[in-house]
Structures are given as structure tokens and as C-alpha cells.
Amino acid sequence: MNRKYKAVLFGNGTMGERHRKFFEYSGVQFLKIFDLEDLDSAGNLRTSLADEFVSNKKIDFAVIASPATTHYQYAKLCLEHGVSVFVEKPLATSGDQAQELVDLAIRNNVILFVAQSECFNSVFLNFRKHFMAELGAVENAARSFRDAARMRECANSSFRLEFRREHKYSARCRDVNVALDLLVHDLSLCLSMFCYDDLKVEQFTISKNDDRAQMQISIVKGAHAGAELNFIVDRNSDIDVRTISVEFAKAEGSPASDYSVSLAPHNENGEVVHISDSLENEHKFFLKLMAGACSEWGRRAAQSAANAVKLATIQ
């Protein structure tokens, strides 16, 4: 990286420290770290303090890793001042707020990047490549039939995906429910494969303690109409698991077998081990965006993150 960027950090907890260390390793200079000592008696960042700093310093981007309920406030402040934003998931706590931030970034011609690291998980990227190729093979097989009825039967050979994400209790991220904490990860994975406008939420339930949620989505339009997407998330589970399971309808032209993929390995205690290149990849992509590359991809990714919030808050 040739240019030496200057940044500000909101929140120096677990994720804030990880992001800061990587960016510093890449040559980024942090001019200010807003953390606990900058909060008022109600636990909120003193707006005047942040506004004065962001207004008067030449900052290239802000890293927002504060509690989720503050993401919208800090991101809006920075975007309004023409400062690009790298923000932890979720982008906001409502669909309207998330969309407002996306529109604001476009209007002010700055970058809005949501750090949903699973989208950069090499295991998922490999899964997506092969799964979408399988679906393409089914579509090609359908086109090979001269008989219209047989072509429709093959083309409509459907599939079911189950996204499951569970881990044991943690005190982190308790300011939002499990949908905004965990479900947004798998919704973002889904939205990297299928169009938001083609989806319909059929069922969505969240437990009374906000720790477990299930969602069922149907693909109702487009090439994959008729497919079913199921999501299960639990942040107070007895197990650690991050999987995507594939089940194909057994029509002629369908892939031969069902299968399941774990998005992360487990240690000897059976606990999920985060794949380090997920975080590294998302930081590298953000710096590419800052350098002027992949701008259209960046806008689509930001919109996808906003759409994930819309789905996670649809109730």
C-alpha cells in the first residue's frame, strides 16, 4: 500500500483491537481512539467530542467497532463529513437506518464497508463457487431437452439450503438480539448467491430470551424459484457449529448427492476455530476500495449488508 491513510477508531474492544492491529500493520495511522473514557454517564459517546474531531481532522476513514446500537450514529456522523467507513456488523439496527447509510455514502461519494467476515471465508467462497456451478449444470441440462414438459421438470428441480450457526454463551454483543448478532452473517452469505428481490420470508421466530432464531425463506422469482433457504442461529447453545447443508430434489438432471460443509474447523475441545484469512481478506478488500478499485463491487456489498439487516428485522 503506497498511501499512508489516517483513521479514527470507535470502540477498542475485542474486534476494534483486531481491526486496529491489522490496519496499523498495513501502515494506517490512527489519530484518535474513542473508547470508554469518552462516554457520557448514559454510556453514549459525547456527540460534540466526536463531531469536533471528525470535522477538524483530515481523516481518510473511520473504523466502527463499538456496540451495535451505536453503529448508525457514528457511521452517519462520519459519512456526513465525507469520511469513509469500515463498520462491524450489523450495519444498523433497523432496515431504514441501514438503507439511509448506504444512500448517504453514495450521495457523498465515500466508501461504506460492513465487516461481515464470513463473506470472505475461503471455505465459503469455495463452497459458493462449486454450488453455483452445480446449479448451472442443472440449468444446462434443462436446456438440452427438446420436450417442453421434460425441460420444465428438470429446470424446476429444486434445492434446500440450511444455514446453521450456533455457539456457547458469550457476554459480547448482548445489546442486540441474535438475529442482528448472528443471523446477519448467514443472510449475507445467502445474498451473495441469490437476489434480494427474489426472496420471500415465509417464517421468522425469535426466542423470548433473544438468543435463538429460525427463519425460512423461499426463492419466489428468477432462475431458482421454488428453492427453500432455512436459517438456524443460537448464541446460547451446547455446541459450536457453522455449517451449510445442501439437499437436492431428486429429479433427472439434479446433482447426485446431498452434502454439508463446515465453515470453520474445530479444536480438540470441539469449539469452532475462526479462519484467520476471513478477517485478513476483508481488510485487504477495504484497502482496495480505498485505493479506488472494485468500486461497483463495494457498492453492491454495502447494499447487501443493508438488505441483510432488512431481513433480520422484518418482524
C-alpha atoms as a PDB file:
ATOM      1  CA  MET A   1       0.000   0.000   0.000  1.00  0.00           C
ATOM      2  CA  ASN A   2       1.624   3.249  -1.153  1.00  0.00           C
ATOM      3  CA  ARG A   3      -0.619   5.813   0.517  1.00  0.00           C
ATOM      4  CA  LYS A   4      -0.462   6.233   4.285  1.00  0.00           C
ATOM      5  CA  TYR A   5      -4.044   6.522   5.457  1.00  0.00           C
ATOM      6  CA  LYS A   6      -5.183   8.301   8.603  1.00  0.00           C
ATOM      7  CA  ALA A   7      -8.069   6.846  10.549  1.00  0.00           C
ATOM      8  CA  VAL A   8     -10.165   7.097  13.691  1.00  0.00           C
ATOM      9  CA  LEU A   9     -11.428   4.145  15.730  1.00  0.00           C
ATOM     10  CA  PHE A  10     -14.729   3.964  17.587  1.00  0.00           C
ATOM     11  CA  GLY A  11     -14.545   1.144  20.134  1.00  0.00           C
ATOM     12  CA  ASN A  12     -11.325  -0.573  21.160  1.00  0.00           C
ATOM     13  CA  GLY A  13     -12.787  -3.845  22.412  1.00  0.00           C
ATOM     14  CA  THR A  14     -12.138  -7.317  21.028  1.00  0.00           C
ATOM     15  CA  MET A  15     -12.982  -6.567  17.383  1.00  0.00           C
ATOM     16  CA  GLY A  16     -11.779  -2.970  17.489  1.00  0.00           C
ATOM     17  CA  GLU A  17      -8.346  -4.089  18.638  1.00  0.00           C
ATOM     18  CA  ARG A  18      -8.165  -6.756  15.916  1.00  0.00           C
ATOM     19  CA  HIS A  19      -9.085  -4.276  13.207  1.00  0.00           C
ATOM     20  CA  ARG A  20      -6.702  -1.638  14.557  1.00  0.00           C
ATOM     21  CA  LYS A  21      -3.744  -4.036  14.665  1.00  0.00           C
ATOM     22  CA  PHE A  22      -4.252  -5.165  11.085  1.00  0.00           C
ATOM     23  CA  PHE A  23      -4.651  -1.670   9.724  1.00  0.00           C
ATOM     24  CA  GLU A  24      -1.627  -0.431  11.681  1.00  0.00           C
ATOM     25  CA  TYR A  25       0.376  -3.335  10.269  1.00  0.00           C
ATOM     26  CA  SER A  26      -0.700  -2.100   6.824  1.00  0.00           C
ATOM     27  CA  GLY A  27       0.612   1.380   7.588  1.00  0.00           C
ATOM     28  CA  VAL A  28      -2.587   3.110   8.730  1.00  0.00           C
ATOM     29  CA  GLN A  29      -2.137   5.787  11.401  1.00  0.00           C
ATOM     30  CA  PHE A  30      -4.920   6.109  13.967  1.00  0.00           C
ATOM     31  CA  LEU A  31      -5.257   9.727  15.034  1.00  0.00           C
ATOM     32  CA  LYS A  32      -7.809   9.023  17.748  1.00  0.00           C
ATOM     33  CA  ILE A  33      -9.342   6.048  19.524  1.00  0.00           C
ATOM     34  CA  PHE A  34     -12.741   6.751  21.052  1.00  0.00           C
ATOM     35  CA  ASP A  35     -13.443   4.280  23.832  1.00  0.00           C
ATOM     36  CA  LEU A  36     -14.937   4.011  27.318  1.00  0.00           C
ATOM     37  CA  GLU A  37     -13.311   7.160  28.690  1.00  0.00           C
ATOM     38  CA  ASP A  38     -15.114   9.206  26.030  1.00  0.00           C
ATOM     39  CA  LEU A  39     -18.615   8.074  27.025  1.00  0.00           C
ATOM     40  CA  ASP A  40     -21.108  10.147  28.974  1.00  0.00           C
ATOM     41  CA  SER A  41     -22.959   8.986  32.085  1.00  0.00           C
ATOM     42  CA  ALA A  42     -25.550   7.238  29.909  1.00  0.00           C
ATOM     43  CA  GLY A  43     -22.859   5.212  28.142  1.00  0.00           C
ATOM     44  CA  ASN A  44     -23.015   7.149  24.872  1.00  0.00           C
ATOM     45  CA  LEU A  45     -20.163   8.829  23.073  1.00  0.00           C
ATOM     46  CA  ARG A  46     -20.305  12.559  23.610  1.00  0.00           C
ATOM     47  CA  THR A  47     -21.508  13.691  20.193  1.00  0.00           C
ATOM     48  CA  SER A  48     -19.865  17.098  20.382  1.00  0.00           C
ATOM     49  CA  LEU A  49     -16.493  15.499  21.086  1.00  0.00           C
ATOM     50  CA  ALA A  50     -16.680  13.148  18.077  1.00  0.00           C
ATOM     51  CA  ASP A  51     -18.176  15.818  15.815  1.00  0.00           C
ATOM     52  CA  GLU A  52     -15.423  18.297  16.632  1.00  0.00           C
ATOM     53  CA  PHE A  53     -12.682  15.731  15.998  1.00  0.00           C
ATOM     54  CA  VAL A  54     -14.110  14.393  12.732  1.00  0.00           C
ATOM     55  CA  SER A  55     -14.814  17.938  11.488  1.00  0.00           C
ATOM     56  CA  ASN A  56     -11.362  19.322  12.171  1.00  0.00           C
ATOM     57  CA  LYS A  57      -9.008  16.448  11.355  1.00  0.00           C
ATOM     58  CA  LYS A  58      -8.076  15.165   7.920  1.00  0.00           C
ATOM     59  CA  ILE A  59      -9.312  11.604   8.292  1.00  0.00           C
ATOM     60  CA  ASP A  60      -9.447   9.097   5.433  1.00  0.00           C
ATOM     61  CA  PHE A  61     -11.687   6.558   7.122  1.00  0.00           C
ATOM     62  CA  ALA A  62     -13.286   5.512  10.388  1.00  0.00           C
ATOM     63  CA  VAL A  63     -13.335   2.039  11.911  1.00  0.00           C
ATOM     64  CA  ILE A  64     -16.521   1.469  13.922  1.00  0.00           C
ATOM     65  CA  ALA A  65     -16.353  -1.486  16.312  1.00  0.00           C
ATOM     66  CA  SER A  66     -18.461  -0.062  19.120  1.00  0.00           C
ATOM     67  CA  PRO A  67     -21.703  -1.693  20.388  1.00  0.00           C
ATOM     68  CA  ALA A  68     -24.132  -2.411  17.559  1.00  0.00           C
ATOM     69  CA  THR A  69     -26.707   0.081  18.797  1.00  0.00           C
ATOM     70  CA  THR A  70     -24.215   2.910  18.129  1.00  0.00           C
ATOM     71  CA  HIS A  71     -23.169   1.926  14.598  1.00  0.00           C
ATOM     72  CA  TYR A  72     -25.777   4.075  12.868  1.00  0.00           C
ATOM     73  CA  GLN A  73     -24.929   7.192  14.897  1.00  0.00           C
ATOM     74  CA  TYR A  74     -21.176   7.010  14.332  1.00  0.00           C
ATOM     75  CA  ALA A  75     -21.389   5.911  10.699  1.00  0.00           C
ATOM     76  CA  LYS A  76     -23.803   8.725   9.854  1.00  0.00           C
ATOM     77  CA  LEU A  77     -21.566  11.293  11.574  1.00  0.00           C
ATOM     78  CA  CYS A  78     -18.561  10.197   9.514  1.00  0.00           C
ATOM     79  CA  LEU A  79     -20.356   9.792   6.196  1.00  0.00           C
ATOM     80  CA  GLU A  80     -21.908  13.258   6.530  1.00  0.00           C
ATOM     81  CA  HIS A  81     -18.389  14.687   6.890  1.00  0.00           C
ATOM     82  CA  GLY A  82     -17.147  12.850   3.799  1.00  0.00           C
ATOM     83  CA  VAL A  83     -15.232  10.205   5.759  1.00  0.00           C
ATOM     84  CA  SER A  84     -15.311   6.608   4.519  1.00  0.00           C
ATOM     85  CA  VAL A  85     -16.485   3.968   6.989  1.00  0.00           C
ATOM     86  CA  PHE A  86     -15.419   0.428   7.883  1.00  0.00           C
ATOM     87  CA  VAL A  87     -18.097  -0.765  10.319  1.00  0.00           C
ATOM     88  CA  GLU A  88     -18.623  -4.030  12.162  1.00  0.00           C
ATOM     89  CA  LYS A  89     -21.858  -5.922  11.555  1.00  0.00           C
ATOM     90  CA  PRO A  90     -24.692  -5.186  11.807  1.00  0.00           C
ATOM     91  CA  LEU A  91     -24.650  -2.010   9.742  1.00  0.00           C
ATOM     92  CA  ALA A  92     -27.556  -0.656  11.810  1.00  0.00           C
ATOM     93  CA  THR A  93     -30.385  -1.958  13.964  1.00  0.00           C
ATOM     94  CA  SER A  94     -33.198  -1.187  11.513  1.00  0.00           C
ATOM     95  CA  GLY A  95     -33.610  -1.592   7.788  1.00  0.00           C
ATOM     96  CA  ASP A  96     -34.464   2.078   7.304  1.00  0.00           C
ATOM     97  CA  GLN A  97     -31.300   3.208   9.080  1.00  0.00           C
ATOM     98  CA  ALA A  98     -29.163   0.741   7.126  1.00  0.00           C
ATOM     99  CA  GLN A  99     -30.549   1.943   3.804  1.00  0.00           C
ATOM    100  CA  GLU A 100     -30.085   5.576   4.836  1.00  0.00           C
ATOM    101  CA  LEU A 101     -26.375   4.940   5.414  1.00  0.00           C
ATOM    102  CA  VAL A 102     -25.974   3.241   2.029  1.00  0.00           C
ATOM    103  CA  ASP A 103     -27.691   6.128   0.273  1.00  0.00           C
ATOM    104  CA  LEU A 104     -25.653   8.685   2.240  1.00  0.00           C
ATOM    105  CA  ALA A 105     -22.361   7.030   1.243  1.00  0.00           C
ATOM    106  CA  ILE A 106     -23.355   7.085  -2.439  1.00  0.00           C
ATOM    107  CA  ARG A 107     -24.528  10.678  -2.239  1.00  0.00           C
ATOM    108  CA  ASN A 108     -21.273  11.852  -0.622  1.00  0.00           C
ATOM    109  CA  ASN A 109     -19.121   9.607  -2.838  1.00  0.00           C
ATOM    110  CA  VAL A 110     -17.413   7.833   0.061  1.00  0.00           C
ATOM    111  CA  ILE A 111     -16.965   4.169   0.921  1.00  0.00           C
ATOM    112  CA  LEU A 112     -19.241   2.257   3.272  1.00  0.00           C
ATOM    113  CA  PHE A 113     -17.925  -1.222   4.058  1.00  0.00           C
ATOM    114  CA  VAL A 114     -19.519  -3.664   6.502  1.00  0.00           C
ATOM    115  CA  ALA A 115     -17.130  -6.127   8.127  1.00  0.00           C
ATOM    116  CA  GLN A 116     -19.072  -9.374   7.734  1.00  0.00           C
ATOM    117  CA  SER A 117     -16.038 -11.619   7.653  1.00  0.00           C
ATOM    118  CA  GLU A 118     -17.844 -14.844   6.704  1.00  0.00           C
ATOM    119  CA  CYS A 119     -18.335 -13.392   3.208  1.00  0.00           C
ATOM    120  CA  PHE A 120     -14.525 -13.564   2.899  1.00  0.00           C
ATOM    121  CA  ASN A 121     -14.179 -17.021   4.436  1.00  0.00           C
ATOM    122  CA  SER A 122     -12.175 -19.107   1.955  1.00  0.00           C
ATOM    123  CA  VAL A 123     -14.243 -22.213   2.790  1.00  0.00           C
ATOM    124  CA  PHE A 124     -17.468 -20.390   1.947  1.00  0.00           C
ATOM    125  CA  LEU A 125     -16.015 -18.876  -1.222  1.00  0.00           C
ATOM    126  CA  ASN A 126     -15.031 -22.363  -2.396  1.00  0.00           C
ATOM    127  CA  PHE A 127     -18.465 -23.743  -1.467  1.00  0.00           C
ATOM    128  CA  ARG A 128     -20.231 -20.945  -3.335  1.00  0.00           C
ATOM    129  CA  LYS A 129     -18.127 -21.469  -6.445  1.00  0.00           C
ATOM    130  CA  HIS A 130     -18.910 -25.188  -6.651  1.00  0.00           C
ATOM    131  CA  PHE A 131     -22.552 -24.944  -5.560  1.00  0.00           C
ATOM    132  CA  MET A 132     -23.397 -22.273  -8.114  1.00  0.00           C
ATOM    133  CA  ALA A 133     -21.610 -24.361 -10.746  1.00  0.00           C
ATOM    134  CA  GLU A 134     -23.827 -27.316  -9.787  1.00  0.00           C
ATOM    135  CA  LEU A 135     -26.921 -25.169 -10.232  1.00  0.00           C
ATOM    136  CA  GLY A 136     -25.588 -24.011 -13.588  1.00  0.00           C
ATOM    137  CA  ALA A 137     -25.145 -27.634 -14.655  1.00  0.00           C
ATOM    138  CA  VAL A 138     -28.792 -28.327 -13.818  1.00  0.00           C
ATOM    139  CA  GLU A 139     -29.914 -25.352 -15.885  1.00  0.00           C
ATOM    140  CA  ASN A 140     -27.773 -26.506 -18.816  1.00  0.00           C
ATOM    141  CA  ALA A 141     -29.264 -29.978 -18.563  1.00  0.00           C
ATOM    142  CA  ALA A 142     -32.741 -28.469 -18.676  1.00  0.00           C
ATOM    143  CA  ARG A 143     -31.962 -26.617 -21.879  1.00  0.00           C
ATOM    144  CA  SER A 144     -30.813 -29.845 -23.531  1.00  0.00           C
ATOM    145  CA  PHE A 145     -34.332 -31.334 -23.521  1.00  0.00           C
ATOM    146  CA  ARG A 146     -36.410 -30.778 -26.634  1.00  0.00           C
ATOM    147  CA  ASP A 147     -39.590 -31.802 -24.872  1.00  0.00           C
ATOM    148  CA  ALA A 148     -41.031 -28.732 -23.098  1.00  0.00           C
ATOM    149  CA  ALA A 149     -42.535 -30.721 -20.209  1.00  0.00           C
ATOM    150  CA  ARG A 150     -39.256 -32.525 -19.511  1.00  0.00           C
ATOM    151  CA  MET A 151     -37.361 -29.238 -19.727  1.00  0.00           C
ATOM    152  CA  ARG A 152     -39.643 -27.641 -17.122  1.00  0.00           C
ATOM    153  CA  GLU A 153     -39.325 -30.669 -14.845  1.00  0.00           C
ATOM    154  CA  CYS A 154     -35.549 -30.547 -14.970  1.00  0.00           C
ATOM    155  CA  ALA A 155     -35.324 -26.763 -14.678  1.00  0.00           C
ATOM    156  CA  ASN A 156     -37.569 -26.800 -11.624  1.00  0.00           C
ATOM    157  CA  SER A 157     -35.566 -29.481  -9.836  1.00  0.00           C
ATOM    158  CA  SER A 158     -35.268 -27.586  -6.593  1.00  0.00           C
ATOM    159  CA  PHE A 159     -32.910 -27.490  -3.663  1.00  0.00           C
ATOM    160  CA  ARG A 160     -32.900 -26.679   0.019  1.00  0.00           C
ATOM    161  CA  LEU A 161     -30.102 -24.938   1.907  1.00  0.00           C
ATOM    162  CA  GLU A 162     -29.807 -24.947   5.669  1.00  0.00           C
ATOM    163  CA  PHE A 163     -27.515 -22.404   7.328  1.00  0.00           C
ATOM    164  CA  ARG A 164     -26.755 -23.295  10.936  1.00  0.00           C
ATOM    165  CA  ARG A 165     -24.700 -21.101  13.277  1.00  0.00           C
ATOM    166  CA  GLU A 166     -24.501 -21.924  16.986  1.00  0.00           C
ATOM    167  CA  HIS A 167     -22.067 -21.187  19.789  1.00  0.00           C
ATOM    168  CA  LYS A 168     -21.905 -21.215  23.561  1.00  0.00           C
ATOM    169  CA  TYR A 169     -22.872 -18.229  25.669  1.00  0.00           C
ATOM    170  CA  SER A 170     -20.730 -15.121  25.395  1.00  0.00           C
ATOM    171  CA  ALA A 171     -21.152 -11.775  27.108  1.00  0.00           C
ATOM    172  CA  ARG A 172     -20.276  -9.963  23.870  1.00  0.00           C
ATOM    173  CA  CYS A 173     -22.856  -8.363  21.544  1.00  0.00           C
ATOM    174  CA  ARG A 174     -25.709  -8.525  24.040  1.00  0.00           C
ATOM    175  CA  ASP A 175     -27.079  -5.121  23.049  1.00  0.00           C
ATOM    176  CA  VAL A 176     -28.911  -6.682  20.080  1.00  0.00           C
ATOM    177  CA  ASN A 177     -30.861  -9.890  19.571  1.00  0.00           C
ATOM    178  CA  VAL A 178     -29.433 -12.993  17.927  1.00  0.00           C
ATOM    179  CA  ALA A 179     -30.803 -12.048  14.503  1.00  0.00           C
ATOM    180  CA  LEU A 180     -28.716  -8.866  14.373  1.00  0.00           C
ATOM    181  CA  ASP A 181     -25.803 -10.605  16.084  1.00  0.00           C
ATOM    182  CA  LEU A 182     -25.553 -13.905  14.176  1.00  0.00           C
ATOM    183  CA  LEU A 183     -28.287 -14.261  11.560  1.00  0.00           C
ATOM    184  CA  VAL A 184     -26.969 -11.317   9.517  1.00  0.00           C
ATOM    185  CA  HIS A 185     -23.823 -13.376   8.806  1.00  0.00           C
ATOM    186  CA  ASP A 186     -25.707 -16.166   7.040  1.00  0.00           C
ATOM    187  CA  LEU A 187     -28.185 -13.801   5.410  1.00  0.00           C
ATOM    188  CA  SER A 188     -25.200 -12.036   3.860  1.00  0.00           C
ATOM    189  CA  LEU A 189     -23.858 -15.358   2.586  1.00  0.00           C
ATOM    190  CA  CYS A 190     -27.275 -16.073   1.078  1.00  0.00           C
ATOM    191  CA  LEU A 191     -27.428 -12.623  -0.543  1.00  0.00           C
ATOM    192  CA  SER A 192     -24.052 -13.183  -2.183  1.00  0.00           C
ATOM    193  CA  MET A 193     -25.685 -16.047  -4.109  1.00  0.00           C
ATOM    194  CA  PHE A 194     -29.301 -15.002  -4.612  1.00  0.00           C
ATOM    195  CA  CYS A 195     -31.039 -11.733  -5.417  1.00  0.00           C
ATOM    196  CA  TYR A 196     -32.756  -9.957  -2.511  1.00  0.00           C
ATOM    197  CA  ASP A 197     -35.756  -9.069  -4.673  1.00  0.00           C
ATOM    198  CA  ASP A 198     -36.329 -12.745  -5.474  1.00  0.00           C
ATOM    199  CA  LEU A 199     -36.704 -13.733  -1.803  1.00  0.00           C
ATOM    200  CA  LYS A 200     -39.765 -14.009   0.425  1.00  0.00           C
ATOM    201  CA  VAL A 201     -39.607 -14.595   4.192  1.00  0.00           C
ATOM    202  CA  GLU A 202     -42.102 -17.348   4.975  1.00  0.00           C
ATOM    203  CA  GLN A 203     -41.431 -17.751   8.685  1.00  0.00           C
ATOM    204  CA  PHE A 204     -39.321 -15.967  11.293  1.00  0.00           C
ATOM    205  CA  THR A 205     -39.243 -16.646  15.023  1.00  0.00           C
ATOM    206  CA  ILE A 206     -37.005 -15.357  17.807  1.00  0.00           C
ATOM    207  CA  SER A 207     -36.981 -16.895  21.271  1.00  0.00           C
ATOM    208  CA  LYS A 208     -38.165 -14.843  24.251  1.00  0.00           C
ATOM    209  CA  ASN A 209     -34.593 -14.541  25.545  1.00  0.00           C
ATOM    210  CA  ASP A 210     -33.434 -13.245  22.120  1.00  0.00           C
ATOM    211  CA  ASP A 211     -30.774 -15.986  21.893  1.00  0.00           C
ATOM    212  CA  ARG A 212     -32.245 -18.327  19.283  1.00  0.00           C
ATOM    213  CA  ALA A 213     -33.904 -17.641  15.941  1.00  0.00           C
ATOM    214  CA  GLN A 214     -35.156 -19.553  12.922  1.00  0.00           C
ATOM    215  CA  MET A 215     -36.036 -18.191   9.504  1.00  0.00           C
ATOM    216  CA  GLN A 216     -37.436 -19.809   6.391  1.00  0.00           C
ATOM    217  CA  ILE A 217     -37.089 -18.037   3.053  1.00  0.00           C
ATOM    218  CA  SER A 218     -38.468 -19.072  -0.331  1.00  0.00           C
ATOM    219  CA  ILE A 219     -36.968 -18.048  -3.635  1.00  0.00           C
ATOM    220  CA  VAL A 220     -40.093 -16.938  -5.474  1.00  0.00           C
ATOM    221  CA  LYS A 221     -38.665 -15.421  -8.665  1.00  0.00           C
ATOM    222  CA  GLY A 222     -35.808 -15.908 -11.069  1.00  0.00           C
ATOM    223  CA  ALA A 223     -33.878 -18.969 -12.172  1.00  0.00           C
ATOM    224  CA  HIS A 224     -34.027 -20.627  -8.751  1.00  0.00           C
ATOM    225  CA  ALA A 225     -37.695 -20.084  -7.956  1.00  0.00           C
ATOM    226  CA  GLY A 226     -39.058 -22.852  -5.735  1.00  0.00           C
ATOM    227  CA  ALA A 227     -35.897 -23.309  -3.669  1.00  0.00           C
ATOM    228  CA  GLU A 228     -36.007 -23.107   0.125  1.00  0.00           C
ATOM    229  CA  LEU A 229     -33.490 -21.459   2.453  1.00  0.00           C
ATOM    230  CA  ASN A 230     -33.528 -22.234   6.172  1.00  0.00           C
ATOM    231  CA  PHE A 231     -31.552 -20.492   8.898  1.00  0.00           C
ATOM    232  CA  ILE A 232     -30.944 -21.593  12.481  1.00  0.00           C
ATOM    233  CA  VAL A 233     -28.908 -19.449  14.885  1.00  0.00           C
ATOM    234  CA  ASP A 234     -28.294 -19.901  18.599  1.00  0.00           C
ATOM    235  CA  ARG A 235     -25.855 -17.959  20.817  1.00  0.00           C
ATOM    236  CA  ASN A 236     -26.573 -19.944  23.964  1.00  0.00           C
ATOM    237  CA  SER A 237     -26.070 -23.453  22.635  1.00  0.00           C
ATOM    238  CA  ASP A 238     -24.320 -26.538  23.962  1.00  0.00           C
ATOM    239  CA  ILE A 239     -22.346 -26.875  20.738  1.00  0.00           C
ATOM    240  CA  ASP A 240     -20.265 -24.784  18.355  1.00  0.00           C
ATOM    241  CA  VAL A 241     -21.226 -25.189  14.720  1.00  0.00           C
ATOM    242  CA  ARG A 242     -21.152 -23.200  11.482  1.00  0.00           C
ATOM    243  CA  THR A 243     -22.462 -25.254   8.588  1.00  0.00           C
ATOM    244  CA  ILE A 244     -24.265 -25.053   5.270  1.00  0.00           C
ATOM    245  CA  SER A 245     -26.194 -28.170   4.280  1.00  0.00           C
ATOM    246  CA  VAL A 246     -27.422 -28.846   0.749  1.00  0.00           C
ATOM    247  CA  GLU A 247     -30.358 -31.048  -0.168  1.00  0.00           C
ATOM    248  CA  PHE A 248     -31.351 -31.502  -3.803  1.00  0.00           C
ATOM    249  CA  ALA A 249     -34.715 -32.585  -5.163  1.00  0.00           C
ATOM    250  CA  LYS A 250     -34.157 -35.901  -6.867  1.00  0.00           C
ATOM    251  CA  ALA A 251     -35.224 -35.118 -10.399  1.00  0.00           C
ATOM    252  CA  GLU A 252     -33.315 -36.029 -13.537  1.00  0.00           C
ATOM    253  CA  GLY A 253     -30.511 -33.562 -14.040  1.00  0.00           C
ATOM    254  CA  SER A 254     -30.066 -32.873 -10.334  1.00  0.00           C
ATOM    255  CA  PRO A 255     -26.668 -33.379  -8.681  1.00  0.00           C
ATOM    256  CA  ALA A 256     -26.231 -36.884  -7.355  1.00  0.00           C
ATOM    257  CA  SER A 257     -25.953 -36.351  -3.609  1.00  0.00           C
ATOM    258  CA  ASP A 258     -26.647 -34.051  -0.698  1.00  0.00           C
ATOM    259  CA  TYR A 259     -23.841 -32.768   1.494  1.00  0.00           C
ATOM    260  CA  SER A 260     -22.877 -30.467   4.340  1.00  0.00           C
ATOM    261  CA  VAL A 261     -19.930 -28.074   4.645  1.00  0.00           C
ATOM    262  CA  SER A 262     -18.412 -26.743   7.860  1.00  0.00           C
ATOM    263  CA  LEU A 263     -17.334 -23.123   7.504  1.00  0.00           C
ATOM    264  CA  ALA A 264     -14.728 -23.474  10.255  1.00  0.00           C
ATOM    265  CA  PRO A 265     -12.577 -26.235  11.786  1.00  0.00           C
ATOM    266  CA  HIS A 266     -12.899 -27.302  15.420  1.00  0.00           C
ATOM    267  CA  ASN A 267     -10.220 -27.563  18.087  1.00  0.00           C
ATOM    268  CA  GLU A 268      -9.674 -30.551  20.365  1.00  0.00           C
ATOM    269  CA  ASN A 269     -12.416 -29.271  22.703  1.00  0.00           C
ATOM    270  CA  GLY A 270     -14.953 -29.242  19.894  1.00  0.00           C
ATOM    271  CA  GLU A 271     -15.002 -25.438  19.663  1.00  0.00           C
ATOM    272  CA  VAL A 272     -15.045 -23.551  16.384  1.00  0.00           C
ATOM    273  CA  VAL A 273     -11.711 -22.056  15.327  1.00  0.00           C
ATOM    274  CA  HIS A 274     -12.088 -18.878  13.299  1.00  0.00           C
ATOM    275  CA  ILE A 275     -10.352 -18.983   9.902  1.00  0.00           C
ATOM    276  CA  SER A 276      -7.845 -16.154  10.058  1.00  0.00           C
ATOM    277  CA  ASP A 277      -7.889 -15.310   6.363  1.00  0.00           C
ATOM    278  CA  SER A 278     -11.531 -14.205   6.671  1.00  0.00           C
ATOM    279  CA  LEU A 279     -10.517 -11.102   8.603  1.00  0.00           C
ATOM    280  CA  GLU A 280      -7.393 -10.557   6.529  1.00  0.00           C
ATOM    281  CA  ASN A 281      -9.350 -10.756   3.281  1.00  0.00           C
ATOM    282  CA  GLU A 282     -11.971  -8.244   4.365  1.00  0.00           C
ATOM    283  CA  HIS A 283      -9.291  -5.734   5.411  1.00  0.00           C
ATOM    284  CA  LYS A 284      -7.474  -6.166   2.106  1.00  0.00           C
ATOM    285  CA  PHE A 285     -10.676  -5.634   0.132  1.00  0.00           C
ATOM    286  CA  PHE A 286     -11.449  -2.481   2.085  1.00  0.00           C
ATOM    287  CA  LEU A 287      -7.993  -1.066   1.349  1.00  0.00           C
ATOM    288  CA  LYS A 288      -8.520  -1.901  -2.327  1.00  0.00           C
ATOM    289  CA  LEU A 289     -11.747   0.076  -2.211  1.00  0.00           C
ATOM    290  CA  MET A 290      -9.909   2.969  -0.582  1.00  0.00           C
ATOM    291  CA  ALA A 291      -7.383   2.843  -3.429  1.00  0.00           C
ATOM    292  CA  GLY A 292     -10.184   3.195  -5.980  1.00  0.00           C
ATOM    293  CA  ALA A 293     -10.507  -0.436  -7.092  1.00  0.00           C
ATOM    294  CA  CYS A 294     -13.651  -2.594  -7.213  1.00  0.00           C
ATOM    295  CA  SER A 295     -15.973   0.372  -6.594  1.00  0.00           C
ATOM    296  CA  GLU A 296     -19.063  -1.244  -8.115  1.00  0.00           C
ATOM    297  CA  TRP A 297     -18.451  -4.409  -6.093  1.00  0.00           C
ATOM    298  CA  GLY A 298     -18.132  -2.247  -2.975  1.00  0.00           C
ATOM    299  CA  ARG A 299     -21.497  -0.567  -3.569  1.00  0.00           C
ATOM    300  CA  ARG A 300     -23.181  -3.934  -4.103  1.00  0.00           C
ATOM    301  CA  ALA A 301     -21.613  -5.321  -0.918  1.00  0.00           C
ATOM    302  CA  ALA A 302     -22.850  -2.348   1.124  1.00  0.00           C
ATOM    303  CA  GLN A 303     -26.361  -2.751  -0.270  1.00  0.00           C
ATOM    304  CA  SER A 304     -26.238  -6.466   0.516  1.00  0.00           C
ATOM    305  CA  ALA A 305     -25.311  -5.677   4.126  1.00  0.00           C
ATOM    306  CA  ALA A 306     -28.267  -3.300   4.353  1.00  0.00           C
ATOM    307  CA  ASN A 307     -30.569  -5.935   2.860  1.00  0.00           C
ATOM    308  CA  ALA A 308     -29.366  -8.434   5.467  1.00  0.00           C
ATOM    309  CA  VAL A 309     -30.448  -6.001   8.199  1.00  0.00           C
ATOM    310  CA  LYS A 310     -33.835  -5.577   6.490  1.00  0.00           C
ATOM    311  CA  LEU A 311     -34.395  -9.338   6.535  1.00  0.00           C
ATOM    312  CA  ALA A 312     -33.131  -9.715  10.125  1.00  0.00           C
ATOM    313  CA  THR A 313     -35.567  -7.055  11.353  1.00  0.00           C
ATOM    314  CA  ILE A 314     -38.541  -7.906   9.151  1.00  0.00           C
ATOM    315  CA  GLN A 315     -40.785  -8.625  12.130  1.00  0.00           C
END
